[in-house]
Amino acid sequence: MTFFGLASYIYSAMKVFFHLRIKPVIIIFGGIILSPALLFLSRRKTNSDQLRILIIPQSTRIGDLVLTTPVFRAIKKKYPGAYLGVALSKKSAGIVKNNPHIDKIFILRSAGFWKDVLEIRKASFDWSFCLSGSALGNIVSLWCFIPNRAKITRRPRPFLEFLTDWLATYKLRYEHHTYLPRYYLRILKPLGINNSDAKSEIFISDSGEKGAEKYFKDKNIYPSDTVVGISITAGNKIKEWGDEKFRKLARKIKAKYNAKIIFIGGVADKNRIAKIFSDKNFFEATDFSLKELPSLIRRLTLYIAVDTGPIYIAHALNVPLVDIIGPVDPSEQPPSDKRSVQVLPAPGIKPSSFVLKKPGRLAEHKMAIESIKVEDVLMAVDKLLTGL
């Protein structure tokens, strides 16, 4: 079969797979079945002298994406002229939309995947780096004919990763209970990048600044005020601390520091937040987009939340924060420095929620989060506010 005949065969097969909305598992098995042809086609050489790199991070988790930003910076520091693309979901794209290190964001959709693949393929990437550990990210790189495919692997690994990890040309196994952002940087070794600067970056948008300025003005919140932001929800229910505990905490902080409290969340959190606050110094902020949210967070004196995405935004912006860890492994992702306090479960309760590992039982998660008392969090607040 000629090269063009093989390309025509792949084109027809991909139209069958991707013309309609399909499940990721079909994309993966389609890639496995067609892997000999895809591997052959991925061996092509580009005519461009420009190094072209695609990063495939965890596409839906905000915290993971923020922790990927040191990778973008490290690549552009080593190769200023490189073309850097990032493939992720529409849901999380706003948080990196203003990142100057990224040349193009490719949105991966659940429908129209054929168009996504064609768009990425037109960029003729030399390298892809799958940082999510997933089989899907690895297979996407193969469908896009990317010749060099790097991937973080894990043990134990799901069945689909067992079937597809061999398709990566470079692999780095993640060792659990170690700081994930530095592992992200280590996978860049094939590019000659040896950078250990794992400080995350967030870049502010003009629309976010205008929105935050108007919000503070409308609420009569001034620069001299002690302003504490609190998020009561999390993307993962096993991390949630409880609305009543947050209500008690907010009242204690307000009484002790005469603070103005802003409950931060999404549109879906409006009703939950409305049930918590009834004080004139309690405010709601649920209308900020992900692109605009950093402008609100950076104006806070202190931010408090369970271990969820906005915690990492606050940390990247150097905002003092209290991270209610709950079942999360404190060594893998959560911030740990002078401006960040981790509130851990009671002694003897081990972590049961991990970044690239099957989580523990629900009972273990619940025990960890319920063991954290209001007084424990208030002590962390005192430590930060009295030290400012």
Protein backbone atom coordinates (compact mmCIF):
# COMPACT_ATOMS: atom_id res chain seq x y z
CA MET A 1 0.00 0.00 0.00
CA THR A 2 1.36 3.42 -0.94
CA PHE A 3 1.66 6.26 1.55
CA PHE A 4 -1.28 8.05 -0.05
CA GLY A 5 -3.36 4.89 -0.09
CA LEU A 6 -2.66 4.38 3.59
CA ALA A 7 -3.54 8.01 4.34
CA SER A 8 -6.84 7.57 2.49
CA TYR A 9 -7.58 4.43 4.52
CA ILE A 10 -6.90 6.28 7.80
CA TYR A 11 -9.03 9.21 6.66
CA SER A 12 -12.01 6.95 5.94
CA ALA A 13 -11.61 5.08 9.22
CA MET A 14 -11.40 8.28 11.23
CA LYS A 15 -14.56 9.64 9.62
CA VAL A 16 -16.38 6.54 10.81
CA PHE A 17 -15.01 6.90 14.34
CA PHE A 18 -15.36 10.64 14.78
CA HIS A 19 -18.23 11.93 12.69
CA LEU A 20 -20.70 11.47 15.54
CA ARG A 21 -20.52 11.97 19.30
CA ILE A 22 -18.68 8.96 20.66
CA LYS A 23 -17.24 7.71 23.89
CA PRO A 24 -13.50 8.10 24.57
CA VAL A 25 -13.16 4.32 24.84
CA ILE A 26 -14.04 4.01 21.13
CA ILE A 27 -11.37 6.58 20.27
CA ILE A 28 -8.86 4.57 22.28
CA PHE A 29 -9.74 1.16 20.82
CA GLY A 30 -9.89 2.66 17.34
CA GLY A 31 -6.34 3.91 17.86
CA ILE A 32 -5.20 0.50 19.08
CA ILE A 33 -6.74 -1.30 16.10
CA LEU A 34 -5.24 1.15 13.61
CA SER A 35 -1.96 1.61 15.50
CA PRO A 36 0.30 0.01 12.84
CA ALA A 37 -0.93 2.49 10.24
CA LEU A 38 -0.94 5.42 12.66
CA LEU A 39 2.59 4.66 13.81
CA PHE A 40 3.74 4.53 10.18
CA LEU A 41 2.13 7.86 9.36
CA SER A 42 3.50 9.49 12.50
CA ARG A 43 7.04 8.90 11.27
CA ARG A 44 6.73 11.73 8.76
CA LYS A 45 9.16 14.64 8.98
CA THR A 46 8.03 18.24 9.02
CA ASN A 47 9.52 20.89 6.78
CA SER A 48 9.54 23.47 9.55
CA ASP A 49 12.72 24.46 11.36
CA GLN A 50 10.60 25.63 14.28
CA LEU A 51 10.23 23.25 17.23
CA ARG A 52 6.51 22.55 17.68
CA ILE A 53 5.27 21.14 20.98
CA LEU A 54 1.80 20.10 22.14
CA ILE A 55 0.97 19.81 25.84
CA ILE A 56 -2.03 17.67 26.86
CA PRO A 57 -2.68 18.39 30.55
CA GLN A 58 -5.50 17.15 32.77
CA SER A 59 -8.15 18.91 30.74
CA THR A 60 -10.97 19.45 33.25
CA ARG A 61 -9.33 20.00 36.65
CA ILE A 62 -8.46 23.63 37.26
CA GLY A 63 -5.84 22.96 39.94
CA ASP A 64 -3.97 20.47 37.76
CA LEU A 65 -3.95 22.94 34.88
CA VAL A 66 -2.56 25.75 37.05
CA LEU A 67 0.19 23.39 38.20
CA THR A 68 1.07 22.75 34.55
CA THR A 69 2.00 26.39 33.90
CA PRO A 70 5.67 25.94 34.94
CA VAL A 71 5.97 23.56 31.97
CA PHE A 72 4.85 26.29 29.54
CA ARG A 73 7.37 28.73 31.03
CA ALA A 74 10.23 26.23 31.02
CA ILE A 75 9.71 25.38 27.34
CA LYS A 76 9.68 29.01 26.22
CA LYS A 77 12.68 29.84 28.40
CA LYS A 78 14.73 27.13 26.70
CA TYR A 79 13.24 27.58 23.22
CA PRO A 80 11.86 31.14 22.87
CA GLY A 81 11.01 30.57 19.22
CA ALA A 82 9.16 27.29 19.72
CA TYR A 83 5.47 26.97 18.84
CA LEU A 84 3.58 25.80 21.92
CA GLY A 85 0.05 24.41 21.75
CA VAL A 86 -2.14 23.20 24.61
CA ALA A 87 -5.07 20.81 24.12
CA LEU A 88 -7.76 20.92 26.81
CA SER A 89 -11.48 21.24 27.45
CA LYS A 90 -13.49 24.40 26.95
CA LYS A 91 -14.40 24.32 30.65
CA SER A 92 -10.84 25.02 31.82
CA ALA A 93 -9.43 27.06 28.92
CA GLY A 94 -10.20 30.42 30.53
CA ILE A 95 -7.58 30.01 33.23
CA VAL A 96 -4.69 29.91 30.70
CA LYS A 97 -6.21 32.07 27.94
CA ASN A 98 -3.95 35.01 28.82
CA ASN A 99 -0.78 32.96 29.30
CA PRO A 100 1.83 34.59 27.01
CA HIS A 101 3.84 31.37 26.70
CA ILE A 102 1.01 29.59 24.84
CA ASP A 103 0.73 30.17 21.10
CA LYS A 104 -2.58 28.36 20.61
CA ILE A 105 -5.20 26.59 22.71
CA PHE A 106 -6.89 23.62 21.05
CA ILE A 107 -10.31 22.81 22.50
CA LEU A 108 -11.05 19.08 22.72
CA ARG A 109 -14.78 18.54 22.36
CA SER A 110 -16.93 15.50 23.08
CA ALA A 111 -18.49 15.94 19.62
CA GLY A 112 -16.73 16.73 16.37
CA PHE A 113 -13.52 15.04 17.47
CA TRP A 114 -12.59 14.46 13.84
CA LYS A 115 -12.34 18.25 13.36
CA ASP A 116 -10.22 18.55 16.52
CA VAL A 117 -7.77 15.97 15.23
CA LEU A 118 -7.50 17.64 11.83
CA GLU A 119 -6.88 21.04 13.43
CA ILE A 120 -4.11 19.69 15.66
CA ARG A 121 -2.60 17.72 12.81
CA LYS A 122 -2.34 20.84 10.63
CA ALA A 123 0.01 22.32 13.25
CA SER A 124 2.51 19.50 12.49
CA PHE A 125 3.73 19.06 16.06
CA ASP A 126 7.11 17.40 16.65
CA TRP A 127 6.41 16.48 20.27
CA SER A 128 3.42 15.87 22.51
CA PHE A 129 3.54 15.60 26.29
CA CYS A 130 0.61 13.86 27.94
CA LEU A 131 0.64 15.01 31.56
CA SER A 132 -2.68 13.51 32.62
CA GLY A 133 -1.45 9.94 32.58
CA SER A 134 -4.57 8.99 30.61
CA ALA A 135 -4.79 6.60 27.68
CA LEU A 136 -6.89 9.11 25.75
CA GLY A 137 -4.22 11.83 25.67
CA ASN A 138 -1.67 9.33 24.41
CA ILE A 139 -4.00 8.09 21.67
CA VAL A 140 -4.93 11.63 20.61
CA SER A 141 -1.24 12.26 19.91
CA LEU A 142 -1.10 9.15 17.75
CA TRP A 143 -4.22 10.08 15.78
CA CYS A 144 -2.59 13.47 15.15
CA PHE A 145 0.51 11.80 13.66
CA ILE A 146 2.87 13.34 16.24
CA PRO A 147 6.19 11.46 15.93
CA ASN A 148 7.51 11.97 19.47
CA ARG A 149 4.97 11.19 22.22
CA ALA A 150 5.94 11.57 25.88
CA LYS A 151 3.67 10.42 28.68
CA ILE A 152 3.56 10.20 32.45
CA THR A 153 2.71 6.65 33.52
CA ARG A 154 1.66 5.23 36.86
CA ARG A 155 1.47 2.03 38.86
CA PRO A 156 -0.99 0.49 39.33
CA ARG A 157 -2.50 1.60 36.06
CA PRO A 158 -5.98 1.20 34.55
CA PHE A 159 -6.53 -1.43 31.88
CA LEU A 160 -6.69 1.03 28.97
CA GLU A 161 -3.34 2.51 29.96
CA PHE A 162 -1.90 -1.00 30.13
CA LEU A 163 -3.02 -1.45 26.52
CA THR A 164 -1.74 1.89 25.22
CA ASP A 165 1.31 3.03 27.22
CA TRP A 166 3.61 1.23 24.77
CA LEU A 167 2.53 3.68 22.06
CA ALA A 168 4.41 6.50 23.80
CA THR A 169 7.98 7.00 22.61
CA TYR A 170 9.13 8.35 25.99
CA LYS A 171 7.68 7.46 29.38
CA LEU A 172 8.25 8.69 32.91
CA ARG A 173 6.67 6.81 35.78
CA TYR A 174 5.13 8.96 38.49
CA GLU A 175 6.12 7.92 42.01
CA HIS A 176 3.22 8.49 44.37
CA HIS A 177 3.48 10.83 47.37
CA THR A 178 5.87 13.18 45.55
CA TYR A 179 5.27 16.71 44.30
CA LEU A 180 3.56 16.41 40.91
CA PRO A 181 4.56 19.77 39.30
CA ARG A 182 8.24 18.79 39.46
CA TYR A 183 7.38 15.54 37.71
CA TYR A 184 5.72 17.58 35.00
CA LEU A 185 9.02 19.40 34.50
CA ARG A 186 11.07 16.20 34.55
CA ILE A 187 9.21 14.82 31.54
CA LEU A 188 10.74 17.62 29.43
CA LYS A 189 14.17 15.96 29.71
CA PRO A 190 14.15 14.68 26.09
CA LEU A 191 14.08 18.33 24.98
CA GLY A 192 17.20 19.06 27.01
CA ILE A 193 15.18 21.00 29.59
CA ASN A 194 16.39 20.61 33.18
CA ASN A 195 14.31 23.14 35.07
CA SER A 196 13.04 22.69 38.64
CA ASP A 197 11.20 26.02 39.01
CA ALA A 198 7.72 24.70 39.86
CA LYS A 199 6.17 28.09 40.72
CA SER A 200 2.77 28.35 39.02
CA GLU A 201 1.70 31.41 37.04
CA ILE A 202 -1.65 33.12 36.51
CA PHE A 203 -2.08 36.05 34.13
CA ILE A 204 -4.77 38.64 34.71
CA SER A 205 -7.35 39.66 32.09
CA ASP A 206 -8.56 43.22 31.43
CA SER A 207 -12.18 42.12 31.73
CA GLY A 208 -11.43 40.50 35.07
CA GLU A 209 -9.81 43.68 36.40
CA LYS A 210 -12.76 45.80 35.36
CA GLY A 211 -15.21 43.34 36.88
CA ALA A 212 -13.32 43.07 40.18
CA GLU A 213 -12.93 46.85 40.50
CA LYS A 214 -16.65 47.35 39.95
CA TYR A 215 -17.53 44.56 42.38
CA PHE A 216 -15.44 46.02 45.23
CA LYS A 217 -16.74 49.51 44.55
CA ASP A 218 -20.38 48.39 44.51
CA LYS A 219 -19.92 46.47 47.78
CA ASN A 220 -18.08 49.35 49.47
CA ILE A 221 -15.03 47.17 50.08
CA TYR A 222 -11.87 49.25 50.43
CA PRO A 223 -8.14 48.47 50.17
CA SER A 224 -7.76 49.03 53.93
CA ASP A 225 -10.36 46.33 54.73
CA THR A 226 -9.49 42.80 55.79
CA VAL A 227 -11.15 40.79 53.03
CA VAL A 228 -11.45 37.02 53.36
CA GLY A 229 -12.60 34.88 50.46
CA ILE A 230 -14.23 31.51 51.17
CA SER A 231 -15.21 28.77 48.73
CA ILE A 232 -17.61 26.23 50.22
CA THR A 233 -17.76 23.84 47.28
CA ALA A 234 -15.33 21.56 45.46
CA GLY A 235 -15.31 19.79 42.13
CA ASN A 236 -15.07 16.53 44.07
CA LYS A 237 -17.72 16.02 46.76
CA ILE A 238 -15.40 13.87 48.89
CA LYS A 239 -13.41 17.03 49.73
CA GLU A 240 -16.32 19.20 50.90
CA TRP A 241 -16.09 20.30 54.53
CA GLY A 242 -19.72 21.27 55.15
CA ASP A 243 -21.73 24.48 54.77
CA GLU A 244 -22.53 24.80 58.46
CA LYS A 245 -18.87 24.64 59.41
CA PHE A 246 -18.07 27.38 56.92
CA ARG A 247 -20.90 29.49 58.33
CA LYS A 248 -19.50 29.19 61.86
CA LEU A 249 -15.98 29.89 60.64
CA ALA A 250 -17.06 33.02 58.75
CA ARG A 251 -18.85 34.41 61.79
CA LYS A 252 -15.81 33.85 64.01
CA ILE A 253 -13.46 35.52 61.52
CA LYS A 254 -15.79 38.48 61.13
CA ALA A 255 -16.13 38.92 64.90
CA LYS A 256 -12.41 38.57 65.60
CA TYR A 257 -10.96 40.61 62.72
CA ASN A 258 -13.89 42.78 61.62
CA ALA A 259 -13.36 41.17 58.24
CA LYS A 260 -15.52 41.37 55.17
CA ILE A 261 -16.28 37.86 53.92
CA ILE A 262 -16.79 37.04 50.26
CA PHE A 263 -18.27 33.62 49.49
CA ILE A 264 -16.86 32.65 46.09
CA GLY A 265 -18.36 30.09 43.73
CA GLY A 266 -19.99 29.46 40.40
CA VAL A 267 -23.51 30.22 39.26
CA ALA A 268 -24.60 26.77 40.44
CA ASP A 269 -23.51 27.67 44.00
CA LYS A 270 -25.81 30.71 44.36
CA ASN A 271 -28.54 28.95 46.32
CA ARG A 272 -26.12 27.19 48.68
CA ILE A 273 -24.28 30.42 49.41
CA ALA A 274 -27.53 32.34 49.92
CA LYS A 275 -28.44 30.01 52.77
CA ILE A 276 -25.18 30.74 54.57
CA PHE A 277 -24.85 34.49 54.73
CA SER A 278 -27.26 36.99 56.26
CA ASP A 279 -24.82 39.56 57.57
CA LYS A 280 -24.13 42.93 55.93
CA ASN A 281 -20.40 42.09 55.89
CA PHE A 282 -20.99 38.79 54.07
CA PHE A 283 -20.97 38.96 50.27
CA GLU A 284 -21.54 36.61 47.34
CA ALA A 285 -19.36 36.38 44.21
CA THR A 286 -20.72 33.80 41.79
CA ASP A 287 -20.77 35.67 38.49
CA PHE A 288 -17.03 35.74 37.72
CA SER A 289 -15.92 33.57 34.83
CA LEU A 290 -12.86 31.39 35.18
CA LYS A 291 -10.92 33.92 33.12
CA GLU A 292 -12.01 36.75 35.45
CA LEU A 293 -11.77 34.95 38.80
CA PRO A 294 -8.03 35.62 39.37
CA SER A 295 -8.72 39.37 39.47
CA LEU A 296 -11.11 38.86 42.37
CA ILE A 297 -8.86 36.43 44.24
CA ARG A 298 -5.76 38.61 44.00
CA ARG A 299 -7.53 41.39 45.91
CA LEU A 300 -8.18 39.18 48.94
CA THR A 301 -6.32 39.46 52.22
CA LEU A 302 -6.81 35.73 52.75
CA TYR A 303 -8.43 32.84 50.88
CA ILE A 304 -9.93 29.74 52.50
CA ALA A 305 -11.19 26.59 50.78
CA VAL A 306 -10.93 22.85 50.66
CA ASP A 307 -8.29 21.51 48.29
CA THR A 308 -9.86 22.58 44.99
CA GLY A 309 -8.94 24.56 41.86
CA PRO A 310 -9.12 28.16 43.18
CA ILE A 311 -6.64 27.25 45.96
CA TYR A 312 -3.99 26.91 43.25
CA ILE A 313 -5.03 30.16 41.60
CA ALA A 314 -4.59 31.95 44.95
CA HIS A 315 -1.20 30.34 45.50
CA ALA A 316 0.02 31.36 42.04
CA LEU A 317 -1.03 34.94 42.84
CA ASN A 318 0.81 34.90 46.21
CA VAL A 319 -2.42 35.32 48.17
CA PRO A 320 -2.19 33.90 51.73
CA LEU A 321 -4.39 30.83 51.88
CA VAL A 322 -5.77 28.16 54.17
CA ASP A 323 -6.12 24.78 52.48
CA ILE A 324 -8.50 22.40 54.26
CA ILE A 325 -6.79 19.23 53.06
CA GLY A 326 -9.28 16.56 54.13
CA PRO A 327 -8.49 13.21 52.45
CA VAL A 328 -5.97 14.66 49.98
CA ASP A 329 -2.32 13.57 50.05
CA PRO A 330 -0.58 16.77 51.23
CA SER A 331 2.70 15.88 49.53
CA GLU A 332 1.45 15.55 45.95
CA GLN A 333 -0.12 18.88 44.96
CA PRO A 334 -1.26 21.18 47.80
CA PRO A 335 0.73 24.40 48.38
CA SER A 336 3.12 24.33 51.30
CA ASP A 337 5.05 27.50 52.12
CA LYS A 338 5.04 30.48 54.48
CA ARG A 339 1.94 32.00 52.87
CA SER A 340 0.00 28.73 52.81
CA VAL A 341 -1.29 26.66 55.72
CA GLN A 342 -2.51 23.11 55.27
CA VAL A 343 -5.17 22.07 57.76
CA LEU A 344 -4.70 18.32 58.10
CA PRO A 345 -7.04 15.65 59.46
CA ALA A 346 -6.67 14.33 62.99
CA PRO A 347 -3.41 12.44 63.69
CA GLY A 348 -3.48 8.84 62.54
CA ILE A 349 -5.79 9.44 59.56
CA LYS A 350 -3.89 8.70 56.38
CA PRO A 351 -4.53 10.31 52.95
CA SER A 352 -7.06 8.51 50.76
CA SER A 353 -7.29 10.84 47.72
CA PHE A 354 -4.44 11.00 45.22
CA VAL A 355 -3.69 12.62 41.86
CA LEU A 356 -2.72 9.58 39.76
CA LYS A 357 -3.83 6.72 41.92
CA LYS A 358 -7.11 4.97 42.64
CA PRO A 359 -8.74 6.70 45.65
CA GLY A 360 -9.49 4.99 48.92
CA ARG A 361 -12.94 4.18 50.26
CA LEU A 362 -15.66 6.75 50.80
CA ALA A 363 -15.63 6.05 54.53
CA GLU A 364 -11.93 7.02 54.65
CA HIS A 365 -12.59 10.28 52.80
CA LYS A 366 -15.45 11.14 55.13
CA MET A 367 -13.45 10.37 58.26
CA ALA A 368 -10.63 12.65 57.12
CA ILE A 369 -12.75 15.69 56.29
CA GLU A 370 -15.07 15.35 59.30
CA SER A 371 -12.14 15.18 61.71
CA ILE A 372 -11.20 18.79 60.87
CA LYS A 373 -12.89 21.18 63.31
CA VAL A 374 -13.77 24.85 62.94
CA GLU A 375 -11.20 25.65 65.62
CA ASP A 376 -8.49 23.93 63.57
CA VAL A 377 -9.16 26.17 60.58
CA LEU A 378 -9.46 29.27 62.77
CA MET A 379 -5.98 28.59 64.18
CA ALA A 380 -4.62 28.56 60.62
CA VAL A 381 -6.44 31.84 59.90
CA ASP A 382 -4.93 33.40 63.04
CA LYS A 383 -1.46 32.29 62.02
CA LEU A 384 -1.71 34.06 58.68
CA LEU A 385 -3.67 37.19 59.61
CA THR A 386 -1.60 38.00 62.67
CA GLY A 387 1.58 37.55 60.64
CA LEU A 388 0.60 39.96 57.86
